[in-house]
Amino acid sequence: MIRRTSAQDVSESAWFKSSYSSNGNEGDCVEVAIDPGGICVRDSKNAQGARLAFTSAAWTGFVSYAAER
């Protein structure tokens, strides 16, 4: 996992959130973007803040683990 700062922006048009993230409070979710180096994650309430970057393999492992819960 790599912590990215706002200086290492991913295209704003690349960000999206899961259709499962809406719980009646639209501001409470994370957004993801596909980047050439892997997957980036940010807090939707602070779009200009820090981002986390994961390799494709790490993201796949996380999603598989989360789907089992």
PDB file of N, CA and C in Angstrom:
ATOM      1  N   MET A   1       0.846  -1.163   0.000  1.00  0.00           N
ATOM      2  CA  MET A   1       0.000   0.000   0.000  1.00  0.00           C
ATOM      3  C   MET A   1       0.895   1.232   0.000  1.00  0.00           C
ATOM      4  N   ILE A   2       0.505   2.226  -0.772  1.00  0.00           N
ATOM      5  CA  ILE A   2       1.256   3.466  -0.886  1.00  0.00           C
ATOM      6  C   ILE A   2       0.324   4.623  -0.554  1.00  0.00           C
ATOM      7  N   ARG A   3       0.738   5.514   0.305  1.00  0.00           N
ATOM      8  CA  ARG A   3      -0.080   6.689   0.616  1.00  0.00           C
ATOM      9  C   ARG A   3       0.280   7.778  -0.383  1.00  0.00           C
ATOM     10  N   ARG A   4      -0.712   8.301  -1.071  1.00  0.00           N
ATOM     11  CA  ARG A   4      -0.490   9.352  -2.058  1.00  0.00           C
ATOM     12  C   ARG A   4      -0.994  10.674  -1.532  1.00  0.00           C
ATOM     13  N   THR A   5      -0.342  11.734  -1.916  1.00  0.00           N
ATOM     14  CA  THR A   5      -0.810  13.066  -1.554  1.00  0.00           C
ATOM     15  C   THR A   5      -1.589  13.645  -2.719  1.00  0.00           C
ATOM     16  N   SER A   6      -2.229  14.757  -2.491  1.00  0.00           N
ATOM     17  CA  SER A   6      -3.038  15.371  -3.547  1.00  0.00           C
ATOM     18  C   SER A   6      -2.188  15.820  -4.731  1.00  0.00           C
ATOM     19  N   ALA A   7      -0.886  15.946  -4.568  1.00  0.00           N
ATOM     20  CA  ALA A   7      -0.006  16.336  -5.670  1.00  0.00           C
ATOM     21  C   ALA A   7       0.100  15.231  -6.713  1.00  0.00           C
ATOM     22  N   GLN A   8      -0.274  14.021  -6.330  1.00  0.00           N
ATOM     23  CA  GLN A   8      -0.196  12.887  -7.248  1.00  0.00           C
ATOM     24  C   GLN A   8      -1.603  12.519  -7.709  1.00  0.00           C
ATOM     25  N   ASP A   9      -2.310  13.484  -8.269  1.00  0.00           N
ATOM     26  CA  ASP A   9      -3.715  13.313  -8.627  1.00  0.00           C
ATOM     27  C   ASP A   9      -3.928  12.281  -9.722  1.00  0.00           C
ATOM     28  N   VAL A  10      -5.050  11.600  -9.596  1.00  0.00           N
ATOM     29  CA  VAL A  10      -5.587  10.749 -10.645  1.00  0.00           C
ATOM     30  C   VAL A  10      -6.665  11.589 -11.300  1.00  0.00           C
ATOM     31  N   SER A  11      -6.890  11.417 -12.563  1.00  0.00           N
ATOM     32  CA  SER A  11      -7.904  12.198 -13.273  1.00  0.00           C
ATOM     33  C   SER A  11      -9.219  12.209 -12.512  1.00  0.00           C
ATOM     34  N   GLU A  12      -9.799  13.392 -12.341  1.00  0.00           N
ATOM     35  CA  GLU A  12     -11.056  13.509 -11.608  1.00  0.00           C
ATOM     36  C   GLU A  12     -12.171  12.689 -12.262  1.00  0.00           C
ATOM     37  N   SER A  13     -12.145  12.540 -13.553  1.00  0.00           N
ATOM     38  CA  SER A  13     -13.196  11.780 -14.222  1.00  0.00           C
ATOM     39  C   SER A  13     -13.088  10.281 -13.972  1.00  0.00           C
ATOM     40  N   ALA A  14     -11.962   9.823 -13.449  1.00  0.00           N
ATOM     41  CA  ALA A  14     -11.745   8.403 -13.227  1.00  0.00           C
ATOM     42  C   ALA A  14     -12.349   7.913 -11.908  1.00  0.00           C
ATOM     43  N   TRP A  15     -12.701   8.803 -11.007  1.00  0.00           N
ATOM     44  CA  TRP A  15     -13.198   8.407  -9.685  1.00  0.00           C
ATOM     45  C   TRP A  15     -14.643   7.941  -9.744  1.00  0.00           C
ATOM     46  N   PHE A  16     -14.963   6.875  -8.992  1.00  0.00           N
ATOM     47  CA  PHE A  16     -16.338   6.401  -8.893  1.00  0.00           C
ATOM     48  C   PHE A  16     -16.549   5.757  -7.535  1.00  0.00           C
ATOM     49  N   LYS A  17     -17.805   5.593  -7.162  1.00  0.00           N
ATOM     50  CA  LYS A  17     -18.126   4.931  -5.909  1.00  0.00           C
ATOM     51  C   LYS A  17     -19.091   3.787  -6.176  1.00  0.00           C
ATOM     52  N   SER A  18     -19.136   2.865  -5.263  1.00  0.00           N
ATOM     53  CA  SER A  18     -19.991   1.703  -5.393  1.00  0.00           C
ATOM     54  C   SER A  18     -21.458   2.094  -5.304  1.00  0.00           C
ATOM     55  N   SER A  19     -22.293   1.403  -6.026  1.00  0.00           N
ATOM     56  CA  SER A  19     -23.735   1.628  -5.920  1.00  0.00           C
ATOM     57  C   SER A  19     -24.239   1.176  -4.550  1.00  0.00           C
ATOM     58  N   TYR A  20     -23.457   0.372  -3.835  1.00  0.00           N
ATOM     59  CA  TYR A  20     -23.824  -0.079  -2.504  1.00  0.00           C
ATOM     60  C   TYR A  20     -23.493   0.953  -1.427  1.00  0.00           C
ATOM     61  N   SER A  21     -22.811   2.027  -1.766  1.00  0.00           N
ATOM     62  CA  SER A  21     -22.330   2.970  -0.757  1.00  0.00           C
ATOM     63  C   SER A  21     -23.394   3.934  -0.263  1.00  0.00           C
ATOM     64  N   SER A  22     -24.513   4.049  -0.927  1.00  0.00           N
ATOM     65  CA  SER A  22     -25.539   5.005  -0.514  1.00  0.00           C
ATOM     66  C   SER A  22     -26.351   4.428   0.639  1.00  0.00           C
ATOM     67  N   ASN A  23     -26.200   5.050   1.806  1.00  0.00           N
ATOM     68  CA  ASN A  23     -26.956   4.626   2.981  1.00  0.00           C
ATOM     69  C   ASN A  23     -27.858   5.752   3.464  1.00  0.00           C
ATOM     70  N   GLY A  24     -28.215   6.650   2.578  1.00  0.00           N
ATOM     71  CA  GLY A  24     -29.029   7.799   2.945  1.00  0.00           C
ATOM     72  C   GLY A  24     -28.196   9.030   3.258  1.00  0.00           C
ATOM     73  N   ASN A  25     -26.897   8.864   3.400  1.00  0.00           N
ATOM     74  CA  ASN A  25     -26.003   9.986   3.653  1.00  0.00           C
ATOM     75  C   ASN A  25     -24.940   9.968   2.571  1.00  0.00           C
ATOM     76  N   GLU A  26     -25.191  10.667   1.489  1.00  0.00           N
ATOM     77  CA  GLU A  26     -24.330  10.628   0.300  1.00  0.00           C
ATOM     78  C   GLU A  26     -22.870  10.989   0.570  1.00  0.00           C
ATOM     79  N   GLY A  27     -22.589  11.709   1.661  1.00  0.00           N
ATOM     80  CA  GLY A  27     -21.225  12.124   1.934  1.00  0.00           C
ATOM     81  C   GLY A  27     -20.364  11.053   2.574  1.00  0.00           C
ATOM     82  N   ASP A  28     -20.970   9.954   3.025  1.00  0.00           N
ATOM     83  CA  ASP A  28     -20.220   8.928   3.731  1.00  0.00           C
ATOM     84  C   ASP A  28     -19.867   7.764   2.819  1.00  0.00           C
ATOM     85  N   CYS A  29     -18.799   7.927   2.060  1.00  0.00           N
ATOM     86  CA  CYS A  29     -18.357   6.820   1.222  1.00  0.00           C
ATOM     87  C   CYS A  29     -16.914   7.048   0.799  1.00  0.00           C
ATOM     88  N   VAL A  30     -16.350   6.020   0.247  1.00  0.00           N
ATOM     89  CA  VAL A  30     -15.039   6.153  -0.368  1.00  0.00           C
ATOM     90  C   VAL A  30     -15.230   6.060  -1.873  1.00  0.00           C
ATOM     91  N   GLU A  31     -14.294   6.619  -2.600  1.00  0.00           N
ATOM     92  CA  GLU A  31     -14.312   6.545  -4.058  1.00  0.00           C
ATOM     93  C   GLU A  31     -13.042   5.855  -4.506  1.00  0.00           C
ATOM     94  N   VAL A  32     -13.122   5.174  -5.628  1.00  0.00           N
ATOM     95  CA  VAL A  32     -11.959   4.482  -6.175  1.00  0.00           C
ATOM     96  C   VAL A  32     -11.711   4.932  -7.609  1.00  0.00           C
ATOM     97  N   ALA A  33     -10.475   4.783  -8.031  1.00  0.00           N
ATOM     98  CA  ALA A  33     -10.086   5.097  -9.408  1.00  0.00           C
ATOM     99  C   ALA A  33      -9.055   4.070  -9.848  1.00  0.00           C
ATOM    100  N   ILE A  34      -9.147   3.695 -11.094  1.00  0.00           N
ATOM    101  CA  ILE A  34      -8.162   2.779 -11.663  1.00  0.00           C
ATOM    102  C   ILE A  34      -7.030   3.618 -12.225  1.00  0.00           C
ATOM    103  N   ASP A  35      -5.838   3.286 -11.797  1.00  0.00           N
ATOM    104  CA  ASP A  35      -4.637   4.038 -12.136  1.00  0.00           C
ATOM    105  C   ASP A  35      -3.672   3.054 -12.806  1.00  0.00           C
ATOM    106  N   PRO A  36      -2.773   3.484 -13.671  1.00  0.00           N
ATOM    107  CA  PRO A  36      -1.834   2.547 -14.285  1.00  0.00           C
ATOM    108  C   PRO A  36      -1.037   1.721 -13.269  1.00  0.00           C
ATOM    109  N   GLY A  37      -0.829   2.269 -12.077  1.00  0.00           N
ATOM    110  CA  GLY A  37      -0.087   1.548 -11.046  1.00  0.00           C
ATOM    111  C   GLY A  37      -0.940   0.687 -10.145  1.00  0.00           C
ATOM    112  N   GLY A  38      -2.255   0.731 -10.290  1.00  0.00           N
ATOM    113  CA  GLY A  38      -3.133  -0.055  -9.437  1.00  0.00           C
ATOM    114  C   GLY A  38      -4.446   0.645  -9.188  1.00  0.00           C
ATOM    115  N   ILE A  39      -4.916   0.573  -7.948  1.00  0.00           N
ATOM    116  CA  ILE A  39      -6.198   1.136  -7.560  1.00  0.00           C
ATOM    117  C   ILE A  39      -5.958   2.228  -6.525  1.00  0.00           C
ATOM    118  N   CYS A  40      -6.614   3.377  -6.689  1.00  0.00           N
ATOM    119  CA  CYS A  40      -6.502   4.485  -5.744  1.00  0.00           C
ATOM    120  C   CYS A  40      -7.824   4.627  -5.003  1.00  0.00           C
ATOM    121  N   VAL A  41      -7.740   5.000  -3.724  1.00  0.00           N
ATOM    122  CA  VAL A  41      -8.918   5.162  -2.872  1.00  0.00           C
ATOM    123  C   VAL A  41      -8.832   6.517  -2.195  1.00  0.00           C
ATOM    124  N   ARG A  42      -9.973   7.217  -2.095  1.00  0.00           N
ATOM    125  CA  ARG A  42     -10.007   8.495  -1.388  1.00  0.00           C
ATOM    126  C   ARG A  42     -11.328   8.633  -0.637  1.00  0.00           C
ATOM    127  N   ASP A  43     -11.359   9.546   0.309  1.00  0.00           N
ATOM    128  CA  ASP A  43     -12.556   9.876   1.068  1.00  0.00           C
ATOM    129  C   ASP A  43     -13.379  10.847   0.233  1.00  0.00           C
ATOM    130  N   SER A  44     -14.628  10.532  -0.024  1.00  0.00           N
ATOM    131  CA  SER A  44     -15.457  11.394  -0.865  1.00  0.00           C
ATOM    132  C   SER A  44     -15.699  12.765  -0.238  1.00  0.00           C
ATOM    133  N   LYS A  45     -15.590  12.866   1.078  1.00  0.00           N
ATOM    134  CA  LYS A  45     -15.796  14.156   1.745  1.00  0.00           C
ATOM    135  C   LYS A  45     -14.576  15.054   1.638  1.00  0.00           C
ATOM    136  N   ASN A  46     -13.439  14.505   1.247  1.00  0.00           N
ATOM    137  CA  ASN A  46     -12.199  15.270   1.141  1.00  0.00           C
ATOM    138  C   ASN A  46     -11.498  14.872  -0.159  1.00  0.00           C
ATOM    139  N   ALA A  47     -12.117  15.188  -1.270  1.00  0.00           N
ATOM    140  CA  ALA A  47     -11.623  14.750  -2.582  1.00  0.00           C
ATOM    141  C   ALA A  47     -10.225  15.264  -2.907  1.00  0.00           C
ATOM    142  N   GLN A  48      -9.816  16.383  -2.331  1.00  0.00           N
ATOM    143  CA  GLN A  48      -8.486  16.918  -2.596  1.00  0.00           C
ATOM    144  C   GLN A  48      -7.452  16.428  -1.581  1.00  0.00           C
ATOM    145  N   GLY A  49      -7.880  15.633  -0.628  1.00  0.00           N
ATOM    146  CA  GLY A  49      -6.985  15.125   0.413  1.00  0.00           C
ATOM    147  C   GLY A  49      -6.147  13.953  -0.057  1.00  0.00           C
ATOM    148  N   ALA A  50      -5.577  13.273   0.895  1.00  0.00           N
ATOM    149  CA  ALA A  50      -4.695  12.131   0.619  1.00  0.00           C
ATOM    150  C   ALA A  50      -5.444  10.988  -0.053  1.00  0.00           C
ATOM    151  N   ARG A  51      -4.706  10.242  -0.843  1.00  0.00           N
ATOM    152  CA  ARG A  51      -5.234   9.041  -1.476  1.00  0.00           C
ATOM    153  C   ARG A  51      -4.372   7.865  -1.056  1.00  0.00           C
ATOM    154  N   LEU A  52      -4.977   6.697  -1.056  1.00  0.00           N
ATOM    155  CA  LEU A  52      -4.232   5.468  -0.838  1.00  0.00           C
ATOM    156  C   LEU A  52      -4.159   4.750  -2.169  1.00  0.00           C
ATOM    157  N   ALA A  53      -3.016   4.171  -2.479  1.00  0.00           N
ATOM    158  CA  ALA A  53      -2.857   3.426  -3.728  1.00  0.00           C
ATOM    159  C   ALA A  53      -2.501   1.976  -3.387  1.00  0.00           C
ATOM    160  N   PHE A  54      -3.150   1.064  -4.058  1.00  0.00           N
ATOM    161  CA  PHE A  54      -2.937  -0.361  -3.859  1.00  0.00           C
ATOM    162  C   PHE A  54      -2.540  -0.992  -5.176  1.00  0.00           C
ATOM    163  N   THR A  55      -1.705  -2.007  -5.115  1.00  0.00           N
ATOM    164  CA  THR A  55      -1.423  -2.767  -6.327  1.00  0.00           C
ATOM    165  C   THR A  55      -2.697  -3.502  -6.717  1.00  0.00           C
ATOM    166  N   SER A  56      -2.790  -3.906  -7.954  1.00  0.00           N
ATOM    167  CA  SER A  56      -3.969  -4.659  -8.400  1.00  0.00           C
ATOM    168  C   SER A  56      -4.135  -5.941  -7.598  1.00  0.00           C
ATOM    169  N   ALA A  57      -3.039  -6.621  -7.293  1.00  0.00           N
ATOM    170  CA  ALA A  57      -3.101  -7.871  -6.525  1.00  0.00           C
ATOM    171  C   ALA A  57      -3.605  -7.617  -5.106  1.00  0.00           C
ATOM    172  N   ALA A  58      -3.125  -6.546  -4.461  1.00  0.00           N
ATOM    173  CA  ALA A  58      -3.576  -6.230  -3.101  1.00  0.00           C
ATOM    174  C   ALA A  58      -5.064  -5.881  -3.098  1.00  0.00           C
ATOM    175  N   TRP A  59      -5.518  -5.122  -4.083  1.00  0.00           N
ATOM    176  CA  TRP A  59      -6.933  -4.740  -4.161  1.00  0.00           C
ATOM    177  C   TRP A  59      -7.804  -5.967  -4.385  1.00  0.00           C
ATOM    178  N   THR A  60      -7.380  -6.851  -5.277  1.00  0.00           N
ATOM    179  CA  THR A  60      -8.131  -8.082  -5.541  1.00  0.00           C
ATOM    180  C   THR A  60      -8.263  -8.911  -4.270  1.00  0.00           C
ATOM    181  N   GLY A  61      -7.178  -9.006  -3.514  1.00  0.00           N
ATOM    182  CA  GLY A  61      -7.216  -9.745  -2.259  1.00  0.00           C
ATOM    183  C   GLY A  61      -8.167  -9.102  -1.263  1.00  0.00           C
ATOM    184  N   PHE A  62      -8.150  -7.790  -1.158  1.00  0.00           N
ATOM    185  CA  PHE A  62      -9.047  -7.080  -0.254  1.00  0.00           C
ATOM    186  C   PHE A  62     -10.509  -7.304  -0.643  1.00  0.00           C
ATOM    187  N   VAL A  63     -10.829  -7.128  -1.910  1.00  0.00           N
ATOM    188  CA  VAL A  63     -12.203  -7.276  -2.369  1.00  0.00           C
ATOM    189  C   VAL A  63     -12.686  -8.705  -2.131  1.00  0.00           C
ATOM    190  N   SER A  64     -11.852  -9.696  -2.393  1.00  0.00           N
ATOM    191  CA  SER A  64     -12.230 -11.099  -2.137  1.00  0.00           C
ATOM    192  C   SER A  64     -12.507 -11.318  -0.663  1.00  0.00           C
ATOM    193  N   TYR A  65     -11.639 -10.786   0.183  1.00  0.00           N
ATOM    194  CA  TYR A  65     -11.812 -10.917   1.634  1.00  0.00           C
ATOM    195  C   TYR A  65     -13.102 -10.222   2.095  1.00  0.00           C
ATOM    196  N   ALA A  66     -13.319  -9.002   1.634  1.00  0.00           N
ATOM    197  CA  ALA A  66     -14.507  -8.251   2.046  1.00  0.00           C
ATOM    198  C   ALA A  66     -15.802  -8.913   1.565  1.00  0.00           C
ATOM    199  N   ALA A  67     -15.779  -9.506   0.396  1.00  0.00           N
ATOM    200  CA  ALA A  67     -16.976 -10.157  -0.146  1.00  0.00           C
ATOM    201  C   ALA A  67     -17.392 -11.361   0.701  1.00  0.00           C
ATOM    202  N   GLU A  68     -16.448 -11.966   1.403  1.00  0.00           N
ATOM    203  CA  GLU A  68     -16.759 -13.112   2.251  1.00  0.00           C
ATOM    204  C   GLU A  68     -17.376 -12.704   3.589  1.00  0.00           C
ATOM    205  N   ARG A  69     -17.348 -11.440   3.919  1.00  0.00           N
ATOM    206  CA  ARG A  69     -17.820 -10.963   5.234  1.00  0.00           C
ATOM    207  C   ARG A  69     -19.236 -10.519   5.170  1.00  0.00           C
TER     208      ARG A  69
END
